[in-house]
Amino acid sequence: MLREQTINFLEATVVFLLLTNALSICAATWAIYRAGRVDAAPTAIHPRLGRFFATWSQRRNAPLSAGLRASSN
């Protein structure tokens, strides 16, 4: 009797894990789909954040010599 209960428990566990794995795949697919749609709507970001990220990316991509001051020796 204990052996049958153990086997039934393990079968139920496997089915549960398969279902949760399938739900996880569906959720990840939906999130990727939603993330792709965000790029199509430029108004999704607040204007101040848009300006911040624009300046931040310009500073980040600037050459190193642009940030260095001339030394006064």
PDB file of N, CA and C in Angstrom:
ATOM      1  N   MET A   1       0.819  -1.198   0.000  1.00  0.00           N
ATOM      2  CA  MET A   1       0.000   0.000   0.000  1.00  0.00           C
ATOM      3  C   MET A   1       0.868   1.270   0.000  1.00  0.00           C
ATOM      4  N   LEU A   2       1.913   1.274   0.812  1.00  0.00           N
ATOM      5  CA  LEU A   2       2.796   2.442   0.887  1.00  0.00           C
ATOM      6  C   LEU A   2       3.506   2.676  -0.445  1.00  0.00           C
ATOM      7  N   ARG A   3       3.858   1.605  -1.122  1.00  0.00           N
ATOM      8  CA  ARG A   3       4.542   1.732  -2.412  1.00  0.00           C
ATOM      9  C   ARG A   3       3.628   2.398  -3.429  1.00  0.00           C
ATOM     10  N   GLU A   4       2.360   2.012  -3.482  1.00  0.00           N
ATOM     11  CA  GLU A   4       1.407   2.607  -4.426  1.00  0.00           C
ATOM     12  C   GLU A   4       1.179   4.082  -4.126  1.00  0.00           C
ATOM     13  N   GLN A   5       1.108   4.422  -2.850  1.00  0.00           N
ATOM     14  CA  GLN A   5       0.925   5.821  -2.471  1.00  0.00           C
ATOM     15  C   GLN A   5       2.141   6.654  -2.879  1.00  0.00           C
ATOM     16  N   THR A   6       3.315   6.089  -2.707  1.00  0.00           N
ATOM     17  CA  THR A   6       4.536   6.794  -3.093  1.00  0.00           C
ATOM     18  C   THR A   6       4.586   7.011  -4.599  1.00  0.00           C
ATOM     19  N   ILE A   7       4.214   5.982  -5.353  1.00  0.00           N
ATOM     20  CA  ILE A   7       4.204   6.096  -6.811  1.00  0.00           C
ATOM     21  C   ILE A   7       3.171   7.129  -7.258  1.00  0.00           C
ATOM     22  N   ASN A   8       1.994   7.111  -6.669  1.00  0.00           N
ATOM     23  CA  ASN A   8       0.964   8.102  -7.013  1.00  0.00           C
ATOM     24  C   ASN A   8       1.425   9.519  -6.675  1.00  0.00           C
ATOM     25  N   PHE A   9       2.086   9.670  -5.522  1.00  0.00           N
ATOM     26  CA  PHE A   9       2.598  10.984  -5.146  1.00  0.00           C
ATOM     27  C   PHE A   9       3.638  11.471  -6.146  1.00  0.00           C
ATOM     28  N   LEU A  10       4.545  10.599  -6.540  1.00  0.00           N
ATOM     29  CA  LEU A  10       5.576  10.983  -7.500  1.00  0.00           C
ATOM     30  C   LEU A  10       4.980  11.313  -8.865  1.00  0.00           C
ATOM     31  N   GLU A  11       3.977  10.560  -9.288  1.00  0.00           N
ATOM     32  CA  GLU A  11       3.305  10.865 -10.562  1.00  0.00           C
ATOM     33  C   GLU A  11       2.620  12.224 -10.502  1.00  0.00           C
ATOM     34  N   ALA A  12       1.950  12.500  -9.381  1.00  0.00           N
ATOM     35  CA  ALA A  12       1.283  13.794  -9.222  1.00  0.00           C
ATOM     36  C   ALA A  12       2.304  14.929  -9.196  1.00  0.00           C
ATOM     37  N   THR A  13       3.442  14.681  -8.572  1.00  0.00           N
ATOM     38  CA  THR A  13       4.505  15.692  -8.522  1.00  0.00           C
ATOM     39  C   THR A  13       5.047  15.991  -9.921  1.00  0.00           C
ATOM     40  N   VAL A  14       5.250  14.951 -10.713  1.00  0.00           N
ATOM     41  CA  VAL A  14       5.742  15.142 -12.072  1.00  0.00           C
ATOM     42  C   VAL A  14       4.731  15.923 -12.901  1.00  0.00           C
ATOM     43  N   VAL A  15       3.452  15.589 -12.786  1.00  0.00           N
ATOM     44  CA  VAL A  15       2.414  16.312 -13.526  1.00  0.00           C
ATOM     45  C   VAL A  15       2.369  17.772 -13.086  1.00  0.00           C
ATOM     46  N   PHE A  16       2.467  18.009 -11.786  1.00  0.00           N
ATOM     47  CA  PHE A  16       2.461  19.383 -11.278  1.00  0.00           C
ATOM     48  C   PHE A  16       3.642  20.173 -11.821  1.00  0.00           C
ATOM     49  N   LEU A  17       4.820  19.571 -11.820  1.00  0.00           N
ATOM     50  CA  LEU A  17       6.001  20.265 -12.328  1.00  0.00           C
ATOM     51  C   LEU A  17       5.898  20.538 -13.826  1.00  0.00           C
ATOM     52  N   LEU A  18       5.335  19.610 -14.572  1.00  0.00           N
ATOM     53  CA  LEU A  18       5.141  19.836 -16.008  1.00  0.00           C
ATOM     54  C   LEU A  18       4.172  20.986 -16.262  1.00  0.00           C
ATOM     55  N   LEU A  19       3.103  21.039 -15.474  1.00  0.00           N
ATOM     56  CA  LEU A  19       2.136  22.133 -15.643  1.00  0.00           C
ATOM     57  C   LEU A  19       2.746  23.485 -15.282  1.00  0.00           C
ATOM     58  N   THR A  20       3.482  23.536 -14.179  1.00  0.00           N
ATOM     59  CA  THR A  20       4.090  24.812 -13.802  1.00  0.00           C
ATOM     60  C   THR A  20       5.159  25.228 -14.809  1.00  0.00           C
ATOM     61  N   ASN A  21       5.862  24.270 -15.383  1.00  0.00           N
ATOM     62  CA  ASN A  21       6.854  24.585 -16.411  1.00  0.00           C
ATOM     63  C   ASN A  21       6.165  25.150 -17.657  1.00  0.00           C
ATOM     64  N   ALA A  22       5.041  24.564 -18.033  1.00  0.00           N
ATOM     65  CA  ALA A  22       4.300  25.073 -19.189  1.00  0.00           C
ATOM     66  C   ALA A  22       3.777  26.478 -18.923  1.00  0.00           C
ATOM     67  N   LEU A  23       3.283  26.722 -17.720  1.00  0.00           N
ATOM     68  CA  LEU A  23       2.814  28.074 -17.382  1.00  0.00           C
ATOM     69  C   LEU A  23       3.964  29.077 -17.390  1.00  0.00           C
ATOM     70  N   SER A  24       5.125  28.656 -16.946  1.00  0.00           N
ATOM     71  CA  SER A  24       6.292  29.528 -16.953  1.00  0.00           C
ATOM     72  C   SER A  24       6.699  29.890 -18.377  1.00  0.00           C
ATOM     73  N   ILE A  25       6.646  28.933 -19.275  1.00  0.00           N
ATOM     74  CA  ILE A  25       6.968  29.193 -20.678  1.00  0.00           C
ATOM     75  C   ILE A  25       5.961  30.161 -21.278  1.00  0.00           C
ATOM     76  N   CYS A  26       4.687  29.987 -20.959  1.00  0.00           N
ATOM     77  CA  CYS A  26       3.651  30.905 -21.457  1.00  0.00           C
ATOM     78  C   CYS A  26       3.880  32.323 -20.926  1.00  0.00           C
ATOM     79  N   ALA A  27       4.202  32.440 -19.650  1.00  0.00           N
ATOM     80  CA  ALA A  27       4.442  33.754 -19.061  1.00  0.00           C
ATOM     81  C   ALA A  27       5.662  34.427 -19.682  1.00  0.00           C
ATOM     82  N   ALA A  28       6.719  33.675 -19.930  1.00  0.00           N
ATOM     83  CA  ALA A  28       7.920  34.244 -20.544  1.00  0.00           C
ATOM     84  C   ALA A  28       7.641  34.680 -21.977  1.00  0.00           C
ATOM     85  N   THR A  29       6.878  33.887 -22.707  1.00  0.00           N
ATOM     86  CA  THR A  29       6.524  34.247 -24.080  1.00  0.00           C
ATOM     87  C   THR A  29       5.688  35.517 -24.101  1.00  0.00           C
ATOM     88  N   TRP A  30       4.737  35.610 -23.186  1.00  0.00           N
ATOM     89  CA  TRP A  30       3.889  36.802 -23.111  1.00  0.00           C
ATOM     90  C   TRP A  30       4.723  38.034 -22.743  1.00  0.00           C
ATOM     91  N   ALA A  31       5.678  37.885 -21.811  1.00  0.00           N
ATOM     92  CA  ALA A  31       6.514  39.018 -21.408  1.00  0.00           C
ATOM     93  C   ALA A  31       7.397  39.485 -22.558  1.00  0.00           C
ATOM     94  N   ILE A  32       7.931  38.549 -23.328  1.00  0.00           N
ATOM     95  CA  ILE A  32       8.749  38.931 -24.490  1.00  0.00           C
ATOM     96  C   ILE A  32       7.894  39.640 -25.528  1.00  0.00           C
ATOM     97  N   TYR A  33       6.680  39.168 -25.721  1.00  0.00           N
ATOM     98  CA  TYR A  33       5.762  39.817 -26.663  1.00  0.00           C
ATOM     99  C   TYR A  33       5.450  41.242 -26.207  1.00  0.00           C
ATOM    100  N   ARG A  34       5.181  41.402 -24.907  1.00  0.00           N
ATOM    101  CA  ARG A  34       4.872  42.737 -24.377  1.00  0.00           C
ATOM    102  C   ARG A  34       6.087  43.656 -24.457  1.00  0.00           C
ATOM    103  N   ALA A  35       7.272  43.124 -24.207  1.00  0.00           N
ATOM    104  CA  ALA A  35       8.480  43.946 -24.266  1.00  0.00           C
ATOM    105  C   ALA A  35       8.741  44.410 -25.693  1.00  0.00           C
ATOM    106  N   GLY A  36       8.412  43.610 -26.670  1.00  0.00           N
ATOM    107  CA  GLY A  36       8.577  44.013 -28.062  1.00  0.00           C
ATOM    108  C   GLY A  36       7.625  45.111 -28.459  1.00  0.00           C
ATOM    109  N   ARG A  37       6.459  45.142 -27.850  1.00  0.00           N
ATOM    110  CA  ARG A  37       5.476  46.178 -28.169  1.00  0.00           C
ATOM    111  C   ARG A  37       5.808  47.508 -27.524  1.00  0.00           C
ATOM    112  N   VAL A  38       6.592  47.512 -26.455  1.00  0.00           N
ATOM    113  CA  VAL A  38       6.934  48.759 -25.772  1.00  0.00           C
ATOM    114  C   VAL A  38       7.773  49.644 -26.683  1.00  0.00           C
ATOM    115  N   ASP A  39       8.654  49.049 -27.474  1.00  0.00           N
ATOM    116  CA  ASP A  39       9.499  49.830 -28.375  1.00  0.00           C
ATOM    117  C   ASP A  39       8.666  50.559 -29.425  1.00  0.00           C
ATOM    118  N   ALA A  40       7.493  50.053 -29.739  1.00  0.00           N
ATOM    119  CA  ALA A  40       6.659  50.684 -30.746  1.00  0.00           C
ATOM    120  C   ALA A  40       5.979  51.934 -30.210  1.00  0.00           C
ATOM    121  N   ALA A  41       5.931  52.105 -28.887  1.00  0.00           N
ATOM    122  CA  ALA A  41       5.266  53.256 -28.281  1.00  0.00           C
ATOM    123  C   ALA A  41       6.298  54.122 -27.569  1.00  0.00           C
ATOM    124  N   PRO A  42       6.846  55.153 -28.241  1.00  0.00           N
ATOM    125  CA  PRO A  42       7.876  55.970 -27.601  1.00  0.00           C
ATOM    126  C   PRO A  42       7.343  56.831 -26.464  1.00  0.00           C
ATOM    127  N   THR A  43       6.042  57.031 -26.375  1.00  0.00           N
ATOM    128  CA  THR A  43       5.481  57.852 -25.303  1.00  0.00           C
ATOM    129  C   THR A  43       5.345  57.067 -24.011  1.00  0.00           C
ATOM    130  N   ALA A  44       5.760  55.801 -24.015  1.00  0.00           N
ATOM    131  CA  ALA A  44       5.632  54.991 -22.806  1.00  0.00           C
ATOM    132  C   ALA A  44       6.587  55.461 -21.713  1.00  0.00           C
ATOM    133  N   ILE A  45       7.652  56.167 -22.091  1.00  0.00           N
ATOM    134  CA  ILE A  45       8.625  56.629 -21.108  1.00  0.00           C
ATOM    135  C   ILE A  45       8.337  58.096 -20.784  1.00  0.00           C
ATOM    136  N   HIS A  46       8.535  58.460 -19.538  1.00  0.00           N
ATOM    137  CA  HIS A  46       8.305  59.835 -19.102  1.00  0.00           C
ATOM    138  C   HIS A  46       9.311  60.754 -19.807  1.00  0.00           C
ATOM    139  N   PRO A  47       8.900  61.973 -20.199  1.00  0.00           N
ATOM    140  CA  PRO A  47       9.824  62.860 -20.935  1.00  0.00           C
ATOM    141  C   PRO A  47      11.126  63.151 -20.196  1.00  0.00           C
ATOM    142  N   ARG A  48      11.065  63.333 -18.877  1.00  0.00           N
ATOM    143  CA  ARG A  48      12.295  63.598 -18.126  1.00  0.00           C
ATOM    144  C   ARG A  48      13.231  62.397 -18.176  1.00  0.00           C
ATOM    145  N   LEU A  49      12.666  61.205 -18.062  1.00  0.00           N
ATOM    146  CA  LEU A  49      13.501  60.015 -18.150  1.00  0.00           C
ATOM    147  C   LEU A  49      14.090  59.888 -19.545  1.00  0.00           C
ATOM    148  N   GLY A  50      13.322  60.244 -20.564  1.00  0.00           N
ATOM    149  CA  GLY A  50      13.833  60.187 -21.925  1.00  0.00           C
ATOM    150  C   GLY A  50      15.027  61.111 -22.110  1.00  0.00           C
ATOM    151  N   ARG A  51      14.929  62.331 -21.563  1.00  0.00           N
ATOM    152  CA  ARG A  51      16.059  63.265 -21.656  1.00  0.00           C
ATOM    153  C   ARG A  51      17.256  62.752 -20.864  1.00  0.00           C
ATOM    154  N   PHE A  52      16.996  62.192 -19.678  1.00  0.00           N
ATOM    155  CA  PHE A  52      18.087  61.672 -18.854  1.00  0.00           C
ATOM    156  C   PHE A  52      18.822  60.561 -19.591  1.00  0.00           C
ATOM    157  N   PHE A  53      18.077  59.605 -20.149  1.00  0.00           N
ATOM    158  CA  PHE A  53      18.723  58.485 -20.825  1.00  0.00           C
ATOM    159  C   PHE A  53      19.436  58.936 -22.090  1.00  0.00           C
ATOM    160  N   ALA A  54      18.917  59.963 -22.757  1.00  0.00           N
ATOM    161  CA  ALA A  54      19.589  60.464 -23.954  1.00  0.00           C
ATOM    162  C   ALA A  54      20.943  61.070 -23.583  1.00  0.00           C
ATOM    163  N   THR A  55      20.971  61.929 -22.541  1.00  0.00           N
ATOM    164  CA  THR A  55      22.241  62.521 -22.132  1.00  0.00           C
ATOM    165  C   THR A  55      23.171  61.480 -21.549  1.00  0.00           C
ATOM    166  N   TRP A  56      22.632  60.558 -20.784  1.00  0.00           N
ATOM    167  CA  TRP A  56      23.454  59.513 -20.187  1.00  0.00           C
ATOM    168  C   TRP A  56      24.122  58.662 -21.267  1.00  0.00           C
ATOM    169  N   SER A  57      23.373  58.303 -22.300  1.00  0.00           N
ATOM    170  CA  SER A  57      23.967  57.466 -23.348  1.00  0.00           C
ATOM    171  C   SER A  57      24.983  58.255 -24.163  1.00  0.00           C
ATOM    172  N   GLN A  58      24.766  59.572 -24.343  1.00  0.00           N
ATOM    173  CA  GLN A  58      25.747  60.385 -25.052  1.00  0.00           C
ATOM    174  C   GLN A  58      27.046  60.465 -24.255  1.00  0.00           C
ATOM    175  N   ARG A  59      26.922  60.670 -22.937  1.00  0.00           N
ATOM    176  CA  ARG A  59      28.115  60.744 -22.099  1.00  0.00           C
ATOM    177  C   ARG A  59      28.823  59.402 -22.048  1.00  0.00           C
ATOM    178  N   ARG A  60      28.036  58.337 -22.011  1.00  0.00           N
ATOM    179  CA  ARG A  60      28.625  57.004 -21.910  1.00  0.00           C
ATOM    180  C   ARG A  60      29.352  56.634 -23.197  1.00  0.00           C
ATOM    181  N   ASN A  61      28.860  57.083 -24.341  1.00  0.00           N
ATOM    182  CA  ASN A  61      29.462  56.728 -25.616  1.00  0.00           C
ATOM    183  C   ASN A  61      30.503  57.737 -26.090  1.00  0.00           C
ATOM    184  N   ALA A  62      30.725  58.809 -25.308  1.00  0.00           N
ATOM    185  CA  ALA A  62      31.714  59.809 -25.687  1.00  0.00           C
ATOM    186  C   ALA A  62      33.114  59.220 -25.524  1.00  0.00           C
ATOM    187  N   PRO A  63      34.057  59.672 -26.344  1.00  0.00           N
ATOM    188  CA  PRO A  63      35.429  59.179 -26.190  1.00  0.00           C
ATOM    189  C   PRO A  63      36.017  59.608 -24.847  1.00  0.00           C
ATOM    190  N   LEU A  64      36.971  58.862 -24.354  1.00  0.00           N
ATOM    191  CA  LEU A  64      37.554  59.158 -23.049  1.00  0.00           C
ATOM    192  C   LEU A  64      38.227  60.524 -23.019  1.00  0.00           C
ATOM    193  N   SER A  65      38.815  60.953 -24.133  1.00  0.00           N
ATOM    194  CA  SER A  65      39.524  62.231 -24.151  1.00  0.00           C
ATOM    195  C   SER A  65      38.568  63.410 -23.991  1.00  0.00           C
ATOM    196  N   ALA A  66      37.287  63.220 -24.271  1.00  0.00           N
ATOM    197  CA  ALA A  66      36.324  64.319 -24.152  1.00  0.00           C
ATOM    198  C   ALA A  66      36.107  64.676 -22.694  1.00  0.00           C
ATOM    199  N   GLY A  67      36.271  63.733 -21.785  1.00  0.00           N
ATOM    200  CA  GLY A  67      36.042  63.998 -20.371  1.00  0.00           C
ATOM    201  C   GLY A  67      37.276  64.459 -19.625  1.00  0.00           C
ATOM    202  N   LEU A  68      38.421  64.422 -20.261  1.00  0.00           N
ATOM    203  CA  LEU A  68      39.654  64.814 -19.588  1.00  0.00           C
ATOM    204  C   LEU A  68      39.914  66.296 -19.763  1.00  0.00           C
ATOM    205  N   ARG A  69      40.342  66.929 -18.687  1.00  0.00           N
ATOM    206  CA  ARG A  69      40.702  68.342 -18.763  1.00  0.00           C
ATOM    207  C   ARG A  69      42.173  68.481 -19.135  1.00  0.00           C
ATOM    208  N   ALA A  70      42.482  69.603 -19.725  1.00  0.00           N
ATOM    209  CA  ALA A  70      43.893  69.854 -20.046  1.00  0.00           C
ATOM    210  C   ALA A  70      44.625  70.121 -18.753  1.00  0.00           C
ATOM    211  N   SER A  71      45.744  69.474 -18.580  1.00  0.00           N
ATOM    212  CA  SER A  71      46.504  69.686 -17.340  1.00  0.00           C
ATOM    213  C   SER A  71      47.268  70.990 -17.420  1.00  0.00           C
ATOM    214  N   SER A  72      47.277  71.696 -16.301  1.00  0.00           N
ATOM    215  CA  SER A  72      48.000  72.977 -16.268  1.00  0.00           C
ATOM    216  C   SER A  72      49.287  72.774 -15.476  1.00  0.00           C
ATOM    217  N   ASN A  73      50.375  72.440 -16.168  1.00  0.00           N
ATOM    218  CA  ASN A  73      51.678  72.223 -15.523  1.00  0.00           C
ATOM    219  C   ASN A  73      52.528  73.432 -15.627  1.00  0.00           C
TER     220      ASN A  73
END
